[in-house]
């Protein structure tokens, strides 16, 4: 491996925390990239996929790289492949970003990969199924990869007392922005004939708009976020290659985790309850289509309803955490999710389905926002390795998605009913709740100096309170 070129140490002024220009700019990346999970992951793309990933007779069978398999399974495998890929590479990339001092550059790179891939999906037809599958994987990798670096800015630009509200504001901005674009896309698809467009072309146009929206609005946070400081002085003195130093930085974080039991407990709790949360979010459209036999327009409107209510949920649980603490608020959210699974087993098309969707939306925004802000409160204060710490958070999320969705599909295949899969998700929420309860009333951010002075290099210890 070629050593990194010699460089002059860069000394940059500390980032001013709670600077309104910076924090507002940071939340705009949620506005920019949230159109991917809404338009591509949750609503329009899965429905369009179902019309293209079929054989000549319209059956759910496709040929992919010499294999014949259900089209509905292929999209699941594509999602799993993307999440596994990013889970494998993100620890290296984030540690390298910390070492090189180029966090924003990595954020921009993954953003453009994802946005360009969404634009590429405009060319998705039955004839381009194979290449479009890989383009879809690239879009998912771009989205997931950029989120790691985006999340890692939270403790850099904000003080701890602002984590919950700023995280909630970011998620809310994302929900608002994505809802606006989804409405635009829904209008284009619904009135395609009035616009002189075919239904398929109007649908593919939504993928093009998603990529343009994502890359376009991302320029706001790219301008507002602080410039990359470059390689720190101690890194410049190293004569090792970039890859080696990337793994060395990751090893330092791993060593720190060994003396941070509360952080490990939270990651374990997040890993288990997030299996259920993310699985429900990814299979909701499929469940409504295959089990409840809802029309595509009704499904898209349902997803729209979820995201509108999620805006309220993000702020509601942020306020709740101020009153009762983060882990208590998260615990209540997990309890509600378990109840949602029970209700999902009995739900039918009609008012009960929309009521359940409303409950999902309310808790979806809260649990995602609080999970991110709580993790920011637990990692060592002022650590220079925020990107590396958040890579563990991201890997935990991605692996939980892989395991959760795989379990859902396996149970449905064995029992012949997706309702049984929904009910089985309760196990994940119960386990997550048990792990969260072990943290209640504790001082979550542990003093690294007291735990292991040798691992406290570059950190400040202590925490301002318990949760």
Protein backbone atom coordinates (compact mmCIF):
# COMPACT_ATOMS: atom_id res chain seq x y z
CA UNK A 1 0.00 0.00 0.00
CA UNK A 2 1.45 3.36 -0.97
CA UNK A 3 1.99 5.61 2.03
CA UNK A 4 -0.09 8.76 2.25
CA UNK A 5 1.74 11.74 0.81
CA UNK A 6 3.47 14.10 3.16
CA UNK A 7 1.31 16.95 4.30
CA UNK A 8 1.49 19.95 6.51
CA UNK A 9 -0.41 19.68 9.74
CA UNK A 10 -3.65 21.56 9.66
CA UNK A 11 -4.70 23.50 12.71
CA UNK A 12 -8.28 24.68 12.45
CA UNK A 13 -10.29 26.74 14.87
CA UNK A 14 -12.80 24.79 16.98
CA UNK A 15 -16.27 24.59 15.48
CA UNK A 16 -18.70 26.94 17.17
CA UNK A 17 -21.41 24.77 18.68
CA UNK A 18 -25.09 25.69 18.40
CA UNK A 19 -24.28 28.10 15.58
CA UNK A 20 -27.66 28.60 13.89
CA UNK A 21 -26.21 28.81 10.39
CA UNK A 22 -24.39 25.50 10.84
CA UNK A 23 -27.21 23.63 12.60
CA UNK A 24 -29.82 24.81 10.09
CA UNK A 25 -27.55 23.77 7.27
CA UNK A 26 -27.02 20.37 8.91
CA UNK A 27 -30.77 19.70 9.12
CA UNK A 28 -31.11 20.49 5.42
CA UNK A 29 -29.27 17.30 4.56
CA UNK A 30 -32.19 15.43 6.11
CA UNK A 31 -34.43 17.51 3.84
CA UNK A 32 -32.26 16.56 0.86
CA UNK A 33 -31.70 12.82 1.32
CA UNK A 34 -34.96 11.72 2.97
CA UNK A 35 -36.59 11.63 -0.44
CA UNK A 36 -34.66 8.40 -1.07
CA UNK A 37 -36.23 6.29 1.73
CA UNK A 38 -39.69 7.70 1.00
CA UNK A 39 -39.83 7.62 -2.81
CA UNK A 40 -37.37 4.80 -3.53
CA UNK A 41 -37.48 2.51 -0.49
CA UNK A 42 -41.03 2.84 0.74
CA UNK A 43 -43.54 3.89 -1.88
CA UNK A 44 -43.19 4.47 -5.62
CA UNK A 45 -40.18 2.32 -6.48
CA UNK A 46 -41.39 -0.93 -4.78
CA UNK A 47 -44.72 -0.63 -6.62
CA UNK A 48 -43.01 0.05 -9.96
CA UNK A 49 -40.61 -2.84 -9.30
CA UNK A 50 -43.60 -5.17 -8.98
CA UNK A 51 -44.76 -4.22 -12.48
CA UNK A 52 -41.33 -4.74 -14.09
CA UNK A 53 -39.86 -7.71 -12.19
CA UNK A 54 -42.16 -10.27 -13.83
CA UNK A 55 -41.92 -12.75 -16.69
CA UNK A 56 -43.65 -12.53 -20.07
CA UNK A 57 -46.86 -13.95 -18.57
CA UNK A 58 -46.86 -11.40 -15.76
CA UNK A 59 -45.81 -13.93 -13.09
CA UNK A 60 -43.55 -13.01 -10.19
CA UNK A 61 -40.52 -14.73 -11.77
CA UNK A 62 -37.37 -13.16 -13.24
CA UNK A 63 -34.04 -14.26 -14.67
CA UNK A 64 -31.12 -12.68 -12.84
CA UNK A 65 -27.50 -13.63 -13.53
CA UNK A 66 -28.56 -17.09 -14.70
CA UNK A 67 -30.94 -17.73 -11.81
CA UNK A 68 -34.74 -17.85 -11.91
CA UNK A 69 -36.27 -16.47 -8.75
CA UNK A 70 -39.29 -14.46 -7.58
CA UNK A 71 -39.01 -10.78 -8.41
CA UNK A 72 -40.30 -9.94 -4.95
CA UNK A 73 -37.39 -11.90 -3.48
CA UNK A 74 -34.83 -10.24 -5.74
CA UNK A 75 -35.54 -6.78 -4.37
CA UNK A 76 -35.17 -8.14 -0.83
CA UNK A 77 -31.83 -9.69 -1.70
CA UNK A 78 -30.73 -6.43 -3.30
CA UNK A 79 -31.56 -4.52 -0.12
CA UNK A 80 -29.71 -7.10 1.99
CA UNK A 81 -26.67 -6.96 -0.30
CA UNK A 82 -26.53 -3.17 -0.09
CA UNK A 83 -26.78 -3.12 3.70
CA UNK A 84 -24.20 -5.88 4.09
CA UNK A 85 -21.81 -4.03 1.81
CA UNK A 86 -22.08 -0.74 3.66
CA UNK A 87 -21.86 -2.54 7.02
CA UNK A 88 -18.56 -4.07 5.94
CA UNK A 89 -16.94 -0.99 4.43
CA UNK A 90 -18.29 1.84 6.62
CA UNK A 91 -16.07 1.12 9.66
CA UNK A 92 -13.00 1.41 7.46
CA UNK A 93 -14.26 4.48 5.61
CA UNK A 94 -15.30 6.36 8.74
CA UNK A 95 -12.05 5.63 10.55
CA UNK A 96 -10.22 6.79 7.46
CA UNK A 97 -12.36 9.94 7.42
CA UNK A 98 -11.44 10.67 11.04
CA UNK A 99 -7.75 10.00 10.36
CA UNK A 100 -7.63 12.09 7.20
CA UNK A 101 -9.85 14.90 8.49
CA UNK A 102 -12.05 14.66 5.37
CA UNK A 103 -15.47 13.88 6.84
CA UNK A 104 -17.33 16.30 4.59
CA UNK A 105 -15.61 14.88 1.50
CA UNK A 106 -16.86 11.38 2.35
CA UNK A 107 -20.35 12.75 3.00
CA UNK A 108 -20.34 14.43 -0.40
CA UNK A 109 -19.00 11.34 -2.17
CA UNK A 110 -21.73 9.02 -0.87
CA UNK A 111 -24.37 11.67 -1.49
CA UNK A 112 -23.44 11.95 -5.15
CA UNK A 113 -23.23 8.16 -5.56
CA UNK A 114 -26.77 7.83 -4.22
CA UNK A 115 -28.23 10.77 -6.12
CA UNK A 116 -26.64 9.71 -9.42
CA UNK A 117 -27.97 6.19 -8.94
CA UNK A 118 -31.50 7.51 -8.41
CA UNK A 119 -31.15 9.38 -11.69
CA UNK A 120 -29.96 6.11 -13.25
CA UNK A 121 -33.17 4.38 -12.17
CA UNK A 122 -34.99 6.60 -14.65
CA UNK A 123 -33.84 4.08 -17.28
CA UNK A 124 -35.25 1.07 -15.37
CA UNK A 125 -37.44 -1.15 -17.57
CA UNK A 126 -37.98 -4.89 -17.94
CA UNK A 127 -35.10 -4.96 -20.42
CA UNK A 128 -32.69 -3.31 -17.98
CA UNK A 129 -33.69 -5.29 -14.88
CA UNK A 130 -30.23 -6.72 -14.15
CA UNK A 131 -28.27 -3.49 -14.42
CA UNK A 132 -31.06 -1.56 -12.68
CA UNK A 133 -30.83 -3.95 -9.73
CA UNK A 134 -27.18 -3.00 -9.29
CA UNK A 135 -28.05 0.68 -9.71
CA UNK A 136 -30.64 0.28 -6.95
CA UNK A 137 -27.98 -1.32 -4.73
CA UNK A 138 -25.66 1.62 -5.44
CA UNK A 139 -28.42 4.08 -4.50
CA UNK A 140 -28.97 2.28 -1.20
CA UNK A 141 -25.24 2.23 -0.48
CA UNK A 142 -25.01 5.95 -1.26
CA UNK A 143 -27.86 6.77 1.09
CA UNK A 144 -26.65 4.53 3.92
CA UNK A 145 -23.04 5.60 3.59
CA UNK A 146 -23.80 9.31 3.68
CA UNK A 147 -25.96 8.94 6.79
CA UNK A 148 -22.95 7.68 8.78
CA UNK A 149 -21.00 10.89 8.20
CA UNK A 150 -24.07 13.09 8.50
CA UNK A 151 -24.99 11.66 11.92
CA UNK A 152 -21.42 12.00 13.17
CA UNK A 153 -21.65 15.80 12.85
CA UNK A 154 -24.28 16.00 15.61
CA UNK A 155 -21.87 16.06 18.60
CA UNK A 156 -19.46 18.30 16.64
CA UNK A 157 -21.91 21.15 15.99
CA UNK A 158 -24.19 20.98 19.02
CA UNK A 159 -23.95 20.88 22.82
CA UNK A 160 -25.41 17.88 24.59
CA UNK A 161 -28.49 19.72 25.84
CA UNK A 162 -29.44 20.40 22.20
CA UNK A 163 -28.95 16.86 20.85
CA UNK A 164 -32.59 15.77 21.20
CA UNK A 165 -34.17 18.90 19.74
CA UNK A 166 -31.64 19.22 16.89
CA UNK A 167 -31.94 15.53 16.00
CA UNK A 168 -35.74 15.83 16.02
CA UNK A 169 -35.54 18.96 13.88
CA UNK A 170 -33.39 17.11 11.34
CA UNK A 171 -35.80 14.19 11.08
CA UNK A 172 -38.75 16.57 10.84
CA UNK A 173 -37.08 18.50 8.03
CA UNK A 174 -36.53 15.20 6.27
CA UNK A 175 -40.15 14.20 6.61
CA UNK A 176 -41.38 17.59 5.35
CA UNK A 177 -39.06 17.64 2.35
CA UNK A 178 -39.75 14.08 1.32
CA UNK A 179 -43.51 14.54 1.67
CA UNK A 180 -43.38 17.58 -0.63
CA UNK A 181 -41.55 15.66 -3.33
CA UNK A 182 -43.81 12.61 -2.94
CA UNK A 183 -46.87 14.81 -3.45
CA UNK A 184 -45.29 16.27 -6.59
CA UNK A 185 -44.52 12.78 -7.89
CA UNK A 186 -48.00 11.54 -7.01
CA UNK A 187 -49.57 14.41 -8.97
CA UNK A 188 -47.40 13.66 -12.01
CA UNK A 189 -48.26 9.95 -11.89
CA UNK A 190 -51.97 10.50 -11.27
CA UNK A 191 -52.38 13.08 -14.05
CA UNK A 192 -49.87 11.52 -16.42
CA UNK A 193 -52.29 11.53 -19.37
CA UNK A 194 -53.03 15.22 -18.94
CA UNK A 195 -49.28 15.83 -19.09
CA UNK A 196 -48.89 13.68 -22.20
CA UNK A 197 -46.91 11.00 -20.36
CA UNK A 198 -47.32 7.27 -20.03
CA UNK A 199 -47.81 5.88 -16.53
CA UNK A 200 -44.43 4.13 -16.65
CA UNK A 201 -42.60 7.24 -17.84
CA UNK A 202 -44.26 9.40 -15.18
CA UNK A 203 -43.24 6.88 -12.54
CA UNK A 204 -39.63 6.76 -13.73
CA UNK A 205 -39.61 10.56 -13.80
CA UNK A 206 -40.09 10.46 -10.02
CA UNK A 207 -36.77 8.61 -9.69
CA UNK A 208 -35.06 11.31 -11.75
CA UNK A 209 -36.59 14.05 -9.59
CA UNK A 210 -35.44 12.22 -6.46
CA UNK A 211 -31.81 12.29 -7.57
CA UNK A 212 -31.97 15.95 -8.60
CA UNK A 213 -33.69 16.95 -5.34
CA UNK A 214 -31.14 15.02 -3.25
CA UNK A 215 -28.01 16.43 -4.91
CA UNK A 216 -29.49 19.90 -5.32
CA UNK A 217 -30.60 20.57 -1.75
CA UNK A 218 -27.45 18.87 -0.40
CA UNK A 219 -25.51 21.93 -1.55
CA UNK A 220 -26.98 23.85 1.40
CA UNK A 221 -25.42 21.66 4.13
CA UNK A 222 -22.24 21.28 2.08
CA UNK A 223 -21.91 25.07 2.16
CA UNK A 224 -22.94 25.51 5.81
CA UNK A 225 -21.01 22.69 7.50
CA UNK A 226 -17.47 23.50 8.64
CA UNK A 227 -14.63 22.86 6.23
CA UNK A 228 -12.64 19.67 6.56
CA UNK A 229 -9.70 20.37 8.90
CA UNK A 230 -7.37 17.99 7.09
CA UNK A 231 -5.05 15.46 8.66
CA UNK A 232 -4.19 16.08 12.32
CA UNK A 233 -0.57 16.74 13.27
CA UNK A 234 0.02 13.31 14.84
CA UNK A 235 -1.31 11.62 11.69
CA UNK A 236 1.03 13.62 9.47
CA UNK A 237 4.02 12.24 11.32
CA UNK A 238 3.00 8.67 10.59
CA UNK A 239 4.71 6.90 7.72
CA UNK A 240 2.08 4.17 7.48
CA UNK A 241 -0.33 3.81 4.58
CA UNK A 242 -3.83 5.21 4.65
CA UNK A 243 -5.45 1.80 4.85
CA UNK A 244 -3.31 0.75 7.81
CA UNK A 245 -4.03 3.97 9.67
CA UNK A 246 -7.72 3.62 8.93
CA UNK A 247 -7.80 0.26 10.66
CA UNK A 248 -5.63 1.60 13.47
CA UNK A 249 -8.17 4.34 14.18
CA UNK A 250 -10.96 1.77 14.14
CA UNK A 251 -8.96 -0.38 16.57
CA UNK A 252 -8.70 2.56 18.97
CA UNK A 253 -12.47 2.93 19.01
CA UNK A 254 -12.88 -0.81 19.57
CA UNK A 255 -10.52 -0.59 22.56
CA UNK A 256 -12.54 2.30 23.95
CA UNK A 257 -15.76 0.28 23.66
CA UNK A 258 -14.25 -2.35 25.95
CA UNK A 259 -14.32 0.13 28.84
CA UNK A 260 -17.66 1.69 27.95
CA UNK A 261 -20.22 -0.95 29.04
CA UNK A 262 -23.16 1.44 28.89
CA UNK A 263 -22.37 2.23 25.28
CA UNK A 264 -22.25 -1.47 24.47
CA UNK A 265 -25.56 -2.05 26.25
CA UNK A 266 -27.24 0.73 24.30
CA UNK A 267 -25.90 -0.62 21.01
CA UNK A 268 -27.28 -4.04 21.93
CA UNK A 269 -30.68 -2.53 22.78
CA UNK A 270 -30.69 -0.54 19.57
CA UNK A 271 -29.67 -3.61 17.58
CA UNK A 272 -32.64 -5.64 18.86
CA UNK A 273 -35.48 -3.12 18.81
CA UNK A 274 -34.28 -1.67 15.50
CA UNK A 275 -34.74 -5.11 13.90
CA UNK A 276 -38.45 -4.70 14.46
CA UNK A 277 -38.68 -0.99 13.62
CA UNK A 278 -36.84 -1.15 10.31
CA UNK A 279 -38.50 -4.39 9.25
CA UNK A 280 -41.96 -2.92 9.71
CA UNK A 281 -40.94 0.18 7.77
CA UNK A 282 -39.55 -1.84 4.86
CA UNK A 283 -42.37 -4.40 4.59
CA UNK A 284 -45.33 -2.09 5.22
CA UNK A 285 -45.94 -1.51 1.52
CA UNK A 286 -45.54 -5.19 0.68
CA UNK A 287 -47.89 -6.17 3.53
CA UNK A 288 -50.54 -3.74 2.32
CA UNK A 289 -50.18 -5.02 -1.23
CA UNK A 290 -49.97 -8.79 -0.74
CA UNK A 291 -52.05 -9.28 2.44
CA UNK A 292 -54.58 -6.44 2.44
CA UNK A 293 -54.67 -6.05 -1.36
CA UNK A 294 -54.73 -2.27 -1.26
CA UNK A 295 -54.55 -0.22 -4.44
CA UNK A 296 -51.20 1.39 -5.28
CA UNK A 297 -52.60 4.89 -4.78
CA UNK A 298 -53.89 3.95 -1.33
CA UNK A 299 -50.48 2.54 -0.42
CA UNK A 300 -48.66 5.70 -1.47
CA UNK A 301 -51.13 7.85 0.45
CA UNK A 302 -50.57 5.63 3.49
CA UNK A 303 -46.81 6.14 3.29
CA UNK A 304 -47.48 9.87 2.93
CA UNK A 305 -49.62 9.73 6.07
CA UNK A 306 -46.83 7.95 7.95
CA UNK A 307 -44.30 10.66 7.21
CA UNK A 308 -46.60 13.57 8.03
CA UNK A 309 -47.42 12.09 11.43
CA UNK A 310 -43.73 11.24 11.98
CA UNK A 311 -42.99 14.97 12.01
CA UNK A 312 -45.21 15.33 15.07
CA UNK A 313 -43.79 12.18 16.61
CA UNK A 314 -40.18 13.37 16.41
CA UNK A 315 -40.97 16.55 18.35
CA UNK A 316 -43.36 14.82 20.75
CA UNK A 317 -40.77 12.28 21.87
CA UNK A 318 -38.07 14.97 22.05
CA UNK A 319 -40.29 16.85 24.52
CA UNK A 320 -41.05 13.63 26.37
CA UNK A 321 -37.33 12.90 26.75
CA UNK A 322 -36.85 16.34 28.33
CA UNK A 323 -39.38 15.43 31.02
CA UNK A 324 -38.59 11.78 31.74
CA UNK A 325 -35.16 11.16 30.18
CA UNK A 326 -33.96 9.49 26.99
CA UNK A 327 -34.02 5.84 27.98
CA UNK A 328 -37.46 6.12 29.58
CA UNK A 329 -38.84 7.83 26.48
CA UNK A 330 -37.24 5.18 24.27
CA UNK A 331 -38.65 2.44 26.49
CA UNK A 332 -42.18 3.77 26.08
CA UNK A 333 -41.66 3.97 22.35
CA UNK A 334 -40.55 0.34 22.21
CA UNK A 335 -43.61 -0.72 24.23
CA UNK A 336 -45.85 1.05 21.71
CA UNK A 337 -44.08 -0.72 18.85
CA UNK A 338 -44.72 -4.09 20.48
CA UNK A 339 -48.42 -3.21 20.70
CA UNK A 340 -48.34 -2.25 17.03
CA UNK A 341 -47.14 -5.76 16.17
CA UNK A 342 -50.05 -7.30 18.07
CA UNK A 343 -52.48 -5.00 16.27
CA UNK A 344 -50.80 -5.77 12.94
CA UNK A 345 -51.67 -9.44 13.33
CA UNK A 346 -55.40 -8.60 13.38
CA UNK A 347 -55.51 -5.52 11.13
CA UNK A 348 -57.78 -5.49 8.08
CA UNK A 349 -58.15 -3.12 5.14
CA UNK A 350 -60.07 -0.02 6.12
CA UNK A 351 -60.01 2.30 9.12
CA UNK A 352 -58.02 -0.13 11.30
CA UNK A 353 -55.16 -0.16 8.80
CA UNK A 354 -54.98 3.63 8.64
CA UNK A 355 -55.17 3.86 12.43
CA UNK A 356 -52.26 1.43 12.69
CA UNK A 357 -50.34 3.44 10.07
CA UNK A 358 -50.87 6.55 12.18
CA UNK A 359 -49.45 4.83 15.26
CA UNK A 360 -46.44 3.64 13.26
CA UNK A 361 -45.81 7.15 11.96
CA UNK A 362 -46.05 8.70 15.42
CA UNK A 363 -43.51 6.34 16.98
CA UNK A 364 -41.35 6.02 13.85
CA UNK A 365 -40.20 9.64 14.06
CA UNK A 366 -39.69 9.51 17.81
CA UNK A 367 -37.66 6.32 18.05
CA UNK A 368 -35.35 7.22 15.16
CA UNK A 369 -34.66 10.72 16.43
CA UNK A 370 -34.15 9.69 20.06
CA UNK A 371 -31.90 6.77 19.13
CA UNK A 372 -29.52 9.09 17.30
CA UNK A 373 -29.47 11.77 20.00
CA UNK A 374 -29.13 9.26 22.86
CA UNK A 375 -26.14 7.65 21.18
CA UNK A 376 -24.58 11.11 20.79
CA UNK A 377 -24.94 11.59 24.54
CA UNK A 378 -23.27 8.28 25.39
CA UNK A 379 -20.16 8.43 23.20
CA UNK A 380 -17.14 10.05 24.90
CA UNK A 381 -17.48 13.81 25.02
CA UNK A 382 -15.35 15.81 22.55
CA UNK A 383 -13.85 12.66 21.07
CA UNK A 384 -12.03 13.37 17.78
CA UNK A 385 -13.33 10.04 16.41
CA UNK A 386 -17.02 10.83 16.08
CA UNK A 387 -17.23 9.37 12.56
CA UNK A 388 -15.65 6.11 13.71
CA UNK A 389 -18.04 5.88 16.69
CA UNK A 390 -21.01 6.49 14.44
CA UNK A 391 -19.79 3.80 12.07
CA UNK A 392 -20.50 1.29 14.86
CA UNK A 393 -23.94 2.80 15.21
CA UNK A 394 -24.46 2.50 11.47
CA UNK A 395 -23.18 -1.09 11.30
CA UNK A 396 -25.52 -2.00 14.15
CA UNK A 397 -28.45 -0.52 12.24
CA UNK A 398 -27.57 -2.19 8.93
CA UNK A 399 -27.03 -5.65 10.41
CA UNK A 400 -30.29 -5.38 12.33
CA UNK A 401 -32.09 -4.62 9.06
CA UNK A 402 -30.52 -7.66 7.38
CA UNK A 403 -31.44 -9.99 10.26
CA UNK A 404 -34.89 -8.48 10.83
CA UNK A 405 -36.03 -8.60 7.21
CA UNK A 406 -34.53 -12.07 6.69
CA UNK A 407 -36.38 -13.37 9.78
CA UNK A 408 -39.61 -11.79 8.56
CA UNK A 409 -39.32 -13.46 5.17
CA UNK A 410 -38.31 -16.83 6.61
CA UNK A 411 -41.22 -16.93 9.06
CA UNK A 412 -43.66 -15.92 6.31
CA UNK A 413 -42.26 -18.64 4.04
CA UNK A 414 -42.48 -21.36 6.72
CA UNK A 415 -45.91 -20.43 8.09
CA UNK A 416 -47.41 -19.15 4.85
CA UNK A 417 -48.58 -15.88 6.43
CA UNK A 418 -46.98 -12.47 6.80
CA UNK A 419 -49.26 -11.87 9.78
CA UNK A 420 -47.25 -14.45 11.75
CA UNK A 421 -44.07 -12.59 10.82
CA UNK A 422 -45.50 -9.34 12.13
CA UNK A 423 -46.46 -11.00 15.40
CA UNK A 424 -43.01 -12.59 15.78
CA UNK A 425 -41.35 -9.16 15.70
CA UNK A 426 -42.55 -8.68 19.28
CA UNK A 427 -39.56 -10.76 20.39
CA UNK A 428 -37.16 -8.10 19.09
CA UNK A 429 -38.98 -5.31 20.89
CA UNK A 430 -39.12 -7.23 24.18
CA UNK A 431 -35.39 -7.87 24.05
CA UNK A 432 -34.69 -4.24 23.20
CA UNK A 433 -36.84 -3.10 26.11
CA UNK A 434 -35.01 -5.38 28.55
CA UNK A 435 -31.63 -3.98 27.50
CA UNK A 436 -32.91 -0.41 27.77
CA UNK A 437 -34.17 -1.07 31.29
CA UNK A 438 -30.63 -1.95 32.40
CA UNK A 439 -29.61 1.64 31.59
CA UNK A 440 -32.39 3.51 33.35
CA UNK A 441 -31.25 5.84 36.11
CA UNK A 442 -27.58 5.48 35.22
CA UNK A 443 -24.96 8.04 34.31
CA UNK A 444 -24.70 6.90 30.72
CA UNK A 445 -21.57 8.72 29.61
CA UNK A 446 -18.82 7.03 31.54
CA UNK A 447 -15.60 8.70 32.58
CA UNK A 448 -13.00 7.15 30.31
CA UNK A 449 -10.17 8.47 32.46
CA UNK A 450 -11.46 6.55 35.45
CA UNK A 451 -12.22 3.44 33.43
CA UNK A 452 -8.90 3.21 31.61
CA UNK A 453 -6.57 6.25 31.45
CA UNK A 454 -4.56 4.73 28.61
CA UNK A 455 -7.59 4.86 26.33
CA UNK A 456 -8.53 8.45 27.13
CA UNK A 457 -6.16 10.07 24.67
CA UNK A 458 -7.95 12.78 22.76
CA UNK A 459 -11.07 12.58 24.94
CA UNK A 460 -12.66 14.40 27.80
CA UNK A 461 -14.49 12.31 30.35
CA UNK A 462 -17.64 12.67 32.30
CA UNK A 463 -21.25 13.39 31.64
CA UNK A 464 -23.60 16.06 32.81
CA UNK A 465 -26.26 13.72 34.06
CA UNK A 466 -28.22 10.54 33.79
CA UNK A 467 -31.14 9.58 31.60
